[in-house]
Amino acid sequence: YLSSLNEQDLVSIKLEDAATELNLAISTISRAIKD
């Protein structure tokens, strides 16, 4: 998406995906991205 800026290339990402990948709690990810 970042190379094309075409909305069809956007990938849905869940909090759980980020938490698993970064080895953090879902609540930590949630607080980090709030606002």
All heavy atoms as atom14 arrays in JSON, in Angstrom:
{
  "sequence": "YLSSLNEQDLVSIKLEDAATELNLAISTISRAIKD",
  "atom14_mask": [
    [1, 1, 1, 1, 1, 1, 1, 1, 1, 1, 1, 1, 0, 0],
    [1, 1, 1, 1, 1, 1, 1, 1, 0, 0, 0, 0, 0, 0],
    [1, 1, 1, 1, 1, 1, 0, 0, 0, 0, 0, 0, 0, 0],
    [1, 1, 1, 1, 1, 1, 0, 0, 0, 0, 0, 0, 0, 0],
    [1, 1, 1, 1, 1, 1, 1, 1, 0, 0, 0, 0, 0, 0],
    [1, 1, 1, 1, 1, 1, 1, 1, 0, 0, 0, 0, 0, 0],
    [1, 1, 1, 1, 1, 1, 1, 1, 1, 0, 0, 0, 0, 0],
    [1, 1, 1, 1, 1, 1, 1, 1, 1, 0, 0, 0, 0, 0],
    [1, 1, 1, 1, 1, 1, 1, 1, 0, 0, 0, 0, 0, 0],
    [1, 1, 1, 1, 1, 1, 1, 1, 0, 0, 0, 0, 0, 0],
    [1, 1, 1, 1, 1, 1, 1, 0, 0, 0, 0, 0, 0, 0],
    [1, 1, 1, 1, 1, 1, 0, 0, 0, 0, 0, 0, 0, 0],
    [1, 1, 1, 1, 1, 1, 1, 1, 0, 0, 0, 0, 0, 0],
    [1, 1, 1, 1, 1, 1, 1, 1, 1, 0, 0, 0, 0, 0],
    [1, 1, 1, 1, 1, 1, 1, 1, 0, 0, 0, 0, 0, 0],
    [1, 1, 1, 1, 1, 1, 1, 1, 1, 0, 0, 0, 0, 0],
    [1, 1, 1, 1, 1, 1, 1, 1, 0, 0, 0, 0, 0, 0],
    [1, 1, 1, 1, 1, 0, 0, 0, 0, 0, 0, 0, 0, 0],
    [1, 1, 1, 1, 1, 0, 0, 0, 0, 0, 0, 0, 0, 0],
    [1, 1, 1, 1, 1, 1, 1, 0, 0, 0, 0, 0, 0, 0],
    [1, 1, 1, 1, 1, 1, 1, 1, 1, 0, 0, 0, 0, 0],
    [1, 1, 1, 1, 1, 1, 1, 1, 0, 0, 0, 0, 0, 0],
    [1, 1, 1, 1, 1, 1, 1, 1, 0, 0, 0, 0, 0, 0],
    [1, 1, 1, 1, 1, 1, 1, 1, 0, 0, 0, 0, 0, 0],
    [1, 1, 1, 1, 1, 0, 0, 0, 0, 0, 0, 0, 0, 0],
    [1, 1, 1, 1, 1, 1, 1, 1, 0, 0, 0, 0, 0, 0],
    [1, 1, 1, 1, 1, 1, 0, 0, 0, 0, 0, 0, 0, 0],
    [1, 1, 1, 1, 1, 1, 1, 0, 0, 0, 0, 0, 0, 0],
    [1, 1, 1, 1, 1, 1, 1, 1, 0, 0, 0, 0, 0, 0],
    [1, 1, 1, 1, 1, 1, 0, 0, 0, 0, 0, 0, 0, 0],
    [1, 1, 1, 1, 1, 1, 1, 1, 1, 1, 1, 0, 0, 0],
    [1, 1, 1, 1, 1, 0, 0, 0, 0, 0, 0, 0, 0, 0],
    [1, 1, 1, 1, 1, 1, 1, 1, 0, 0, 0, 0, 0, 0],
    [1, 1, 1, 1, 1, 1, 1, 1, 1, 0, 0, 0, 0, 0],
    [1, 1, 1, 1, 1, 1, 1, 1, 0, 0, 0, 0, 0, 0]
  ],
  "atom14_positions": [
    [[0.83, -1.21, 0.0], [0.0, 0.0, 0.0], [0.86, 1.26, 0.0], [0.6, 2.2, -0.74], [-0.94, 0.01, 1.2], [-1.6, 1.36, 1.38], [-2.58, 1.8, 0.51], [-1.19, 2.22, 2.4], [-3.16, 3.04, 0.66], [-1.77, 3.46, 2.55], [-2.75, 3.87, 1.67], [-3.3, 5.12, 1.81], [0.0, 0.0, 0.0], [0.0, 0.0, 0.0]],
    [[1.89, 1.25, 0.82], [2.74, 2.45, 0.94], [3.47, 2.76, -0.36], [3.79, 3.91, -0.63], [3.71, 2.29, 2.1], [3.06, 2.28, 3.49], [4.07, 1.9, 4.54], [2.42, 3.62, 3.8], [0.0, 0.0, 0.0], [0.0, 0.0, 0.0], [0.0, 0.0, 0.0], [0.0, 0.0, 0.0], [0.0, 0.0, 0.0], [0.0, 0.0, 0.0]],
    [[3.75, 1.73, -1.18], [4.41, 2.01, -2.45], [3.42, 2.42, -3.53], [3.76, 3.2, -4.4], [5.25, 0.87, -2.96], [4.96, -0.34, -2.43], [0.0, 0.0, 0.0], [0.0, 0.0, 0.0], [0.0, 0.0, 0.0], [0.0, 0.0, 0.0], [0.0, 0.0, 0.0], [0.0, 0.0, 0.0], [0.0, 0.0, 0.0], [0.0, 0.0, 0.0]],
    [[2.18, 1.93, -3.45], [1.2, 2.23, -4.5], [0.2, 3.32, -4.09], [-0.34, 4.0, -4.96], [0.42, 0.98, -4.85], [-0.47, 0.62, -3.79], [0.0, 0.0, 0.0], [0.0, 0.0, 0.0], [0.0, 0.0, 0.0], [0.0, 0.0, 0.0], [0.0, 0.0, 0.0], [0.0, 0.0, 0.0], [0.0, 0.0, 0.0], [0.0, 0.0, 0.0]],
    [[-0.07, 3.44, -2.79], [-1.11, 4.32, -2.25], [-2.49, 4.0, -2.84], [-3.38, 4.85, -2.9], [-0.77, 5.79, -2.43], [0.45, 6.27, -1.67], [0.72, 7.74, -1.94], [0.32, 6.02, -0.18], [0.0, 0.0, 0.0], [0.0, 0.0, 0.0], [0.0, 0.0, 0.0], [0.0, 0.0, 0.0], [0.0, 0.0, 0.0], [0.0, 0.0, 0.0]],
    [[-2.65, 2.76, -3.26], [-3.92, 2.27, -3.78], [-4.67, 1.62, -2.62], [-4.19, 0.67, -2.02], [-3.66, 1.25, -4.9], [-4.93, 0.75, -5.53], [-6.03, 0.96, -5.02], [-4.78, 0.08, -6.66], [0.0, 0.0, 0.0], [0.0, 0.0, 0.0], [0.0, 0.0, 0.0], [0.0, 0.0, 0.0], [0.0, 0.0, 0.0], [0.0, 0.0, 0.0]],
    [[-5.85, 2.12, -2.32], [-6.61, 1.62, -1.17], [-6.87, 0.12, -1.22], [-7.03, -0.52, -0.19], [-7.93, 2.38, -1.02], [-7.74, 3.79, -0.52], [-9.05, 4.5, -0.28], [-10.05, 3.83, 0.04], [-9.07, 5.74, -0.41], [0.0, 0.0, 0.0], [0.0, 0.0, 0.0], [0.0, 0.0, 0.0], [0.0, 0.0, 0.0], [0.0, 0.0, 0.0]],
    [[-6.91, -0.44, -2.41], [-7.13, -1.89, -2.54], [-5.95, -2.69, -2.0], [-6.08, -3.88, -1.72], [-7.38, -2.25, -4.0], [-8.7, -1.7, -4.51], [-8.9, -2.0, -5.99], [-7.95, -2.07, -6.75], [-10.15, -2.17, -6.37], [0.0, 0.0, 0.0], [0.0, 0.0, 0.0], [0.0, 0.0, 0.0], [0.0, 0.0, 0.0], [0.0, 0.0, 0.0]],
    [[-4.81, -2.05, -1.84], [-3.62, -2.73, -1.32], [-3.52, -2.69, 0.2], [-2.6, -3.27, 0.78], [-2.35, -2.14, -1.94], [-2.25, -2.42, -3.43], [-2.78, -3.46, -3.87], [-1.64, -1.61, -4.14], [0.0, 0.0, 0.0], [0.0, 0.0, 0.0], [0.0, 0.0, 0.0], [0.0, 0.0, 0.0], [0.0, 0.0, 0.0], [0.0, 0.0, 0.0]],
    [[-4.45, -1.99, 0.84], [-4.44, -1.94, 2.31], [-4.74, -3.32, 2.88], [-5.61, -4.03, 2.39], [-5.51, -0.97, 2.83], [-5.09, 0.47, 2.99], [-6.32, 1.33, 3.34], [-4.03, 0.65, 4.01], [0.0, 0.0, 0.0], [0.0, 0.0, 0.0], [0.0, 0.0, 0.0], [0.0, 0.0, 0.0], [0.0, 0.0, 0.0], [0.0, 0.0, 0.0]],
    [[-4.01, -3.69, 3.91], [-4.18, -4.98, 4.56], [-4.79, -4.73, 5.94], [-4.33, -3.85, 6.68], [-2.81, -5.68, 4.72], [-2.95, -6.98, 5.46], [-2.17, -5.89, 3.37], [0.0, 0.0, 0.0], [0.0, 0.0, 0.0], [0.0, 0.0, 0.0], [0.0, 0.0, 0.0], [0.0, 0.0, 0.0], [0.0, 0.0, 0.0], [0.0, 0.0, 0.0]],
    [[-5.8, -5.49, 6.28], [-6.41, -5.39, 7.6], [-5.45, -5.98, 8.63], [-4.92, -7.07, 8.45], [-7.72, -6.16, 7.6], [-8.29, -6.12, 8.88], [0.0, 0.0, 0.0], [0.0, 0.0, 0.0], [0.0, 0.0, 0.0], [0.0, 0.0, 0.0], [0.0, 0.0, 0.0], [0.0, 0.0, 0.0], [0.0, 0.0, 0.0], [0.0, 0.0, 0.0]],
    [[-5.24, -5.24, 9.71], [-4.34, -5.71, 10.77], [-5.09, -5.65, 12.1], [-5.67, -4.62, 12.45], [-3.08, -4.82, 10.87], [-2.34, -4.82, 9.54], [-2.17, -5.3, 11.99], [-1.19, -3.84, 9.49], [0.0, 0.0, 0.0], [0.0, 0.0, 0.0], [0.0, 0.0, 0.0], [0.0, 0.0, 0.0], [0.0, 0.0, 0.0], [0.0, 0.0, 0.0]],
    [[-5.07, -6.74, 12.81], [-5.72, -6.8, 14.12], [-4.7, -6.49, 15.21], [-3.5, -6.7, 15.03], [-6.29, -8.19, 14.35], [-7.37, -8.57, 13.38], [-7.87, -9.96, 13.66], [-8.91, -10.35, 12.62], [-9.37, -11.71, 12.81], [0.0, 0.0, 0.0], [0.0, 0.0, 0.0], [0.0, 0.0, 0.0], [0.0, 0.0, 0.0], [0.0, 0.0, 0.0]],
    [[-5.2, -6.01, 16.33], [-4.32, -5.77, 17.48], [-3.56, -7.03, 17.84], [-2.37, -6.99, 18.17], [-5.13, -5.29, 18.69], [-5.72, -3.9, 18.62], [-6.6, -3.65, 19.84], [-4.64, -2.86, 18.54], [0.0, 0.0, 0.0], [0.0, 0.0, 0.0], [0.0, 0.0, 0.0], [0.0, 0.0, 0.0], [0.0, 0.0, 0.0], [0.0, 0.0, 0.0]],
    [[-4.24, -8.15, 17.74], [-3.62, -9.44, 18.08], [-2.43, -9.75, 17.18], [-1.42, -10.3, 17.63], [-4.66, -10.55, 17.98], [-4.14, -11.9, 18.43], [-5.21, -12.97, 18.37], [-6.37, -12.67, 18.05], [-4.86, -14.13, 18.65], [0.0, 0.0, 0.0], [0.0, 0.0, 0.0], [0.0, 0.0, 0.0], [0.0, 0.0, 0.0], [0.0, 0.0, 0.0]],
    [[-2.53, -9.38, 15.9], [-1.43, -9.6, 14.96], [-0.18, -8.84, 15.42], [0.92, -9.38, 15.45], [-1.8, -9.14, 13.55], [-2.96, -9.92, 12.96], [-3.21, -11.06, 13.41], [-3.63, -9.37, 12.06], [0.0, 0.0, 0.0], [0.0, 0.0, 0.0], [0.0, 0.0, 0.0], [0.0, 0.0, 0.0], [0.0, 0.0, 0.0], [0.0, 0.0, 0.0]],
    [[-0.38, -7.57, 15.74], [0.75, -6.73, 16.18], [1.31, -7.24, 17.5], [2.52, -7.31, 17.68], [0.3, -5.28, 16.31], [0.0, 0.0, 0.0], [0.0, 0.0, 0.0], [0.0, 0.0, 0.0], [0.0, 0.0, 0.0], [0.0, 0.0, 0.0], [0.0, 0.0, 0.0], [0.0, 0.0, 0.0], [0.0, 0.0, 0.0], [0.0, 0.0, 0.0]],
    [[0.43, -7.59, 18.43], [0.87, -8.07, 19.74], [1.69, -9.35, 19.61], [2.75, -9.48, 20.23], [-0.33, -8.3, 20.64], [0.0, 0.0, 0.0], [0.0, 0.0, 0.0], [0.0, 0.0, 0.0], [0.0, 0.0, 0.0], [0.0, 0.0, 0.0], [0.0, 0.0, 0.0], [0.0, 0.0, 0.0], [0.0, 0.0, 0.0], [0.0, 0.0, 0.0]],
    [[1.24, -10.26, 18.78], [1.95, -11.51, 18.57], [3.32, -11.26, 17.94], [4.33, -11.77, 18.41], [1.13, -12.47, 17.69], [-0.12, -12.72, 18.33], [1.87, -13.78, 17.46], [0.0, 0.0, 0.0], [0.0, 0.0, 0.0], [0.0, 0.0, 0.0], [0.0, 0.0, 0.0], [0.0, 0.0, 0.0], [0.0, 0.0, 0.0], [0.0, 0.0, 0.0]],
    [[3.33, -10.46, 16.89], [4.58, -10.16, 16.17], [5.6, -9.46, 17.07], [6.78, -9.74, 17.01], [4.26, -9.28, 14.96], [5.46, -8.78, 14.23], [5.86, -9.66, 13.06], [5.07, -10.55, 12.7], [6.95, -9.46, 12.55], [0.0, 0.0, 0.0], [0.0, 0.0, 0.0], [0.0, 0.0, 0.0], [0.0, 0.0, 0.0], [0.0, 0.0, 0.0]],
    [[5.12, -8.54, 17.91], [6.03, -7.75, 18.75], [6.22, -8.34, 20.15], [6.92, -7.76, 20.97], [5.52, -6.31, 18.85], [5.4, -5.57, 17.51], [4.77, -4.21, 17.71], [6.75, -5.46, 16.83], [0.0, 0.0, 0.0], [0.0, 0.0, 0.0], [0.0, 0.0, 0.0], [0.0, 0.0, 0.0], [0.0, 0.0, 0.0], [0.0, 0.0, 0.0]],
    [[5.55, -9.47, 20.39], [5.66, -10.14, 21.68], [5.24, -9.21, 22.84], [5.95, -9.07, 23.83], [7.07, -10.68, 21.9], [7.11, -11.74, 22.99], [6.12, -12.43, 23.22], [8.23, -11.84, 23.67], [0.0, 0.0, 0.0], [0.0, 0.0, 0.0], [0.0, 0.0, 0.0], [0.0, 0.0, 0.0], [0.0, 0.0, 0.0], [0.0, 0.0, 0.0]],
    [[4.1, -8.55, 22.64], [3.54, -7.64, 23.64], [2.08, -8.02, 23.89], [1.47, -8.72, 23.1], [3.6, -6.19, 23.14], [4.99, -5.59, 22.94], [4.87, -4.27, 22.2], [5.71, -5.41, 24.26], [0.0, 0.0, 0.0], [0.0, 0.0, 0.0], [0.0, 0.0, 0.0], [0.0, 0.0, 0.0], [0.0, 0.0, 0.0], [0.0, 0.0, 0.0]],
    [[1.54, -7.52, 24.97], [0.13, -7.75, 25.28], [-0.74, -6.89, 24.36], [-0.34, -5.8, 23.95], [-0.16, -7.4, 26.73], [0.0, 0.0, 0.0], [0.0, 0.0, 0.0], [0.0, 0.0, 0.0], [0.0, 0.0, 0.0], [0.0, 0.0, 0.0], [0.0, 0.0, 0.0], [0.0, 0.0, 0.0], [0.0, 0.0, 0.0], [0.0, 0.0, 0.0]],
    [[-1.91, -7.39, 24.05], [-2.85, -6.64, 23.21], [-3.16, -5.29, 23.86], [-3.24, -4.27, 23.17], [-4.15, -7.44, 22.98], [-3.84, -8.68, 22.13], [-5.21, -6.59, 22.31], [-5.01, -9.63, 21.97], [0.0, 0.0, 0.0], [0.0, 0.0, 0.0], [0.0, 0.0, 0.0], [0.0, 0.0, 0.0], [0.0, 0.0, 0.0], [0.0, 0.0, 0.0]],
    [[-3.3, -5.26, 25.17], [-3.6, -4.0, 25.86], [-2.46, -3.0, 25.71], [-2.7, -1.79, 25.63], [-3.9, -4.25, 27.34], [-2.79, -4.84, 27.97], [0.0, 0.0, 0.0], [0.0, 0.0, 0.0], [0.0, 0.0, 0.0], [0.0, 0.0, 0.0], [0.0, 0.0, 0.0], [0.0, 0.0, 0.0], [0.0, 0.0, 0.0], [0.0, 0.0, 0.0]],
    [[-1.22, -3.47, 25.63], [-0.08, -2.58, 25.43], [-0.15, -1.94, 24.05], [0.06, -0.73, 23.9], [1.25, -3.35, 25.58], [1.3, -3.93, 26.87], [2.45, -2.44, 25.37], [0.0, 0.0, 0.0], [0.0, 0.0, 0.0], [0.0, 0.0, 0.0], [0.0, 0.0, 0.0], [0.0, 0.0, 0.0], [0.0, 0.0, 0.0], [0.0, 0.0, 0.0]],
    [[-0.48, -2.74, 23.05], [-0.62, -2.22, 21.69], [-1.76, -1.2, 21.65], [-1.63, -0.12, 21.09], [-0.89, -3.36, 20.68], [0.23, -4.39, 20.7], [-1.12, -2.8, 19.29], [1.57, -3.89, 20.26], [0.0, 0.0, 0.0], [0.0, 0.0, 0.0], [0.0, 0.0, 0.0], [0.0, 0.0, 0.0], [0.0, 0.0, 0.0], [0.0, 0.0, 0.0]],
    [[-2.86, -1.54, 22.27], [-4.02, -0.65, 22.29], [-3.69, 0.7, 22.92], [-4.03, 1.75, 22.37], [-5.17, -1.33, 23.05], [-6.28, -0.48, 23.11], [0.0, 0.0, 0.0], [0.0, 0.0, 0.0], [0.0, 0.0, 0.0], [0.0, 0.0, 0.0], [0.0, 0.0, 0.0], [0.0, 0.0, 0.0], [0.0, 0.0, 0.0], [0.0, 0.0, 0.0]],
    [[-3.01, 0.66, 24.05], [-2.64, 1.92, 24.71], [-1.64, 2.72, 23.87], [-1.7, 3.95, 23.82], [-2.04, 1.65, 26.09], [-3.07, 1.29, 27.14], [-2.47, 1.3, 28.54], [-1.27, 0.47, 28.66], [-1.26, -0.83, 28.95], [-2.39, -1.47, 29.13], [-0.13, -1.49, 29.06], [0.0, 0.0, 0.0], [0.0, 0.0, 0.0], [0.0, 0.0, 0.0]],
    [[-0.73, 2.02, 23.23], [0.31, 2.69, 22.45], [-0.27, 3.44, 21.24], [0.22, 4.5, 20.87], [1.36, 1.69, 21.98], [0.0, 0.0, 0.0], [0.0, 0.0, 0.0], [0.0, 0.0, 0.0], [0.0, 0.0, 0.0], [0.0, 0.0, 0.0], [0.0, 0.0, 0.0], [0.0, 0.0, 0.0], [0.0, 0.0, 0.0], [0.0, 0.0, 0.0]],
    [[-1.31, 2.88, 20.62], [-1.85, 3.51, 19.41], [-3.04, 4.42, 19.67], [-3.51, 5.09, 18.74], [-2.23, 2.45, 18.35], [-3.35, 1.55, 18.86], [-1.01, 1.65, 17.94], [-3.9, 0.59, 17.8], [0.0, 0.0, 0.0], [0.0, 0.0, 0.0], [0.0, 0.0, 0.0], [0.0, 0.0, 0.0], [0.0, 0.0, 0.0], [0.0, 0.0, 0.0]],
    [[-3.5, 4.47, 20.91], [-4.66, 5.3, 21.23], [-4.4, 6.75, 20.81], [-3.39, 7.34, 21.14], [-4.94, 5.24, 22.73], [-6.18, 6.0, 23.14], [-6.4, 5.84, 24.63], [-7.67, 6.43, 25.13], [-7.92, 7.79, 24.85], [0.0, 0.0, 0.0], [0.0, 0.0, 0.0], [0.0, 0.0, 0.0], [0.0, 0.0, 0.0], [0.0, 0.0, 0.0]],
    [[-5.33, 7.29, 20.03], [-5.28, 8.67, 19.55], [-4.06, 8.99, 18.69], [-3.59, 10.11, 18.66], [-5.35, 9.66, 20.73], [-6.64, 9.53, 21.52], [-7.68, 9.24, 20.91], [-6.6, 9.7, 22.76], [0.0, 0.0, 0.0], [0.0, 0.0, 0.0], [0.0, 0.0, 0.0], [0.0, 0.0, 0.0], [0.0, 0.0, 0.0], [0.0, 0.0, 0.0]]
  ]
}
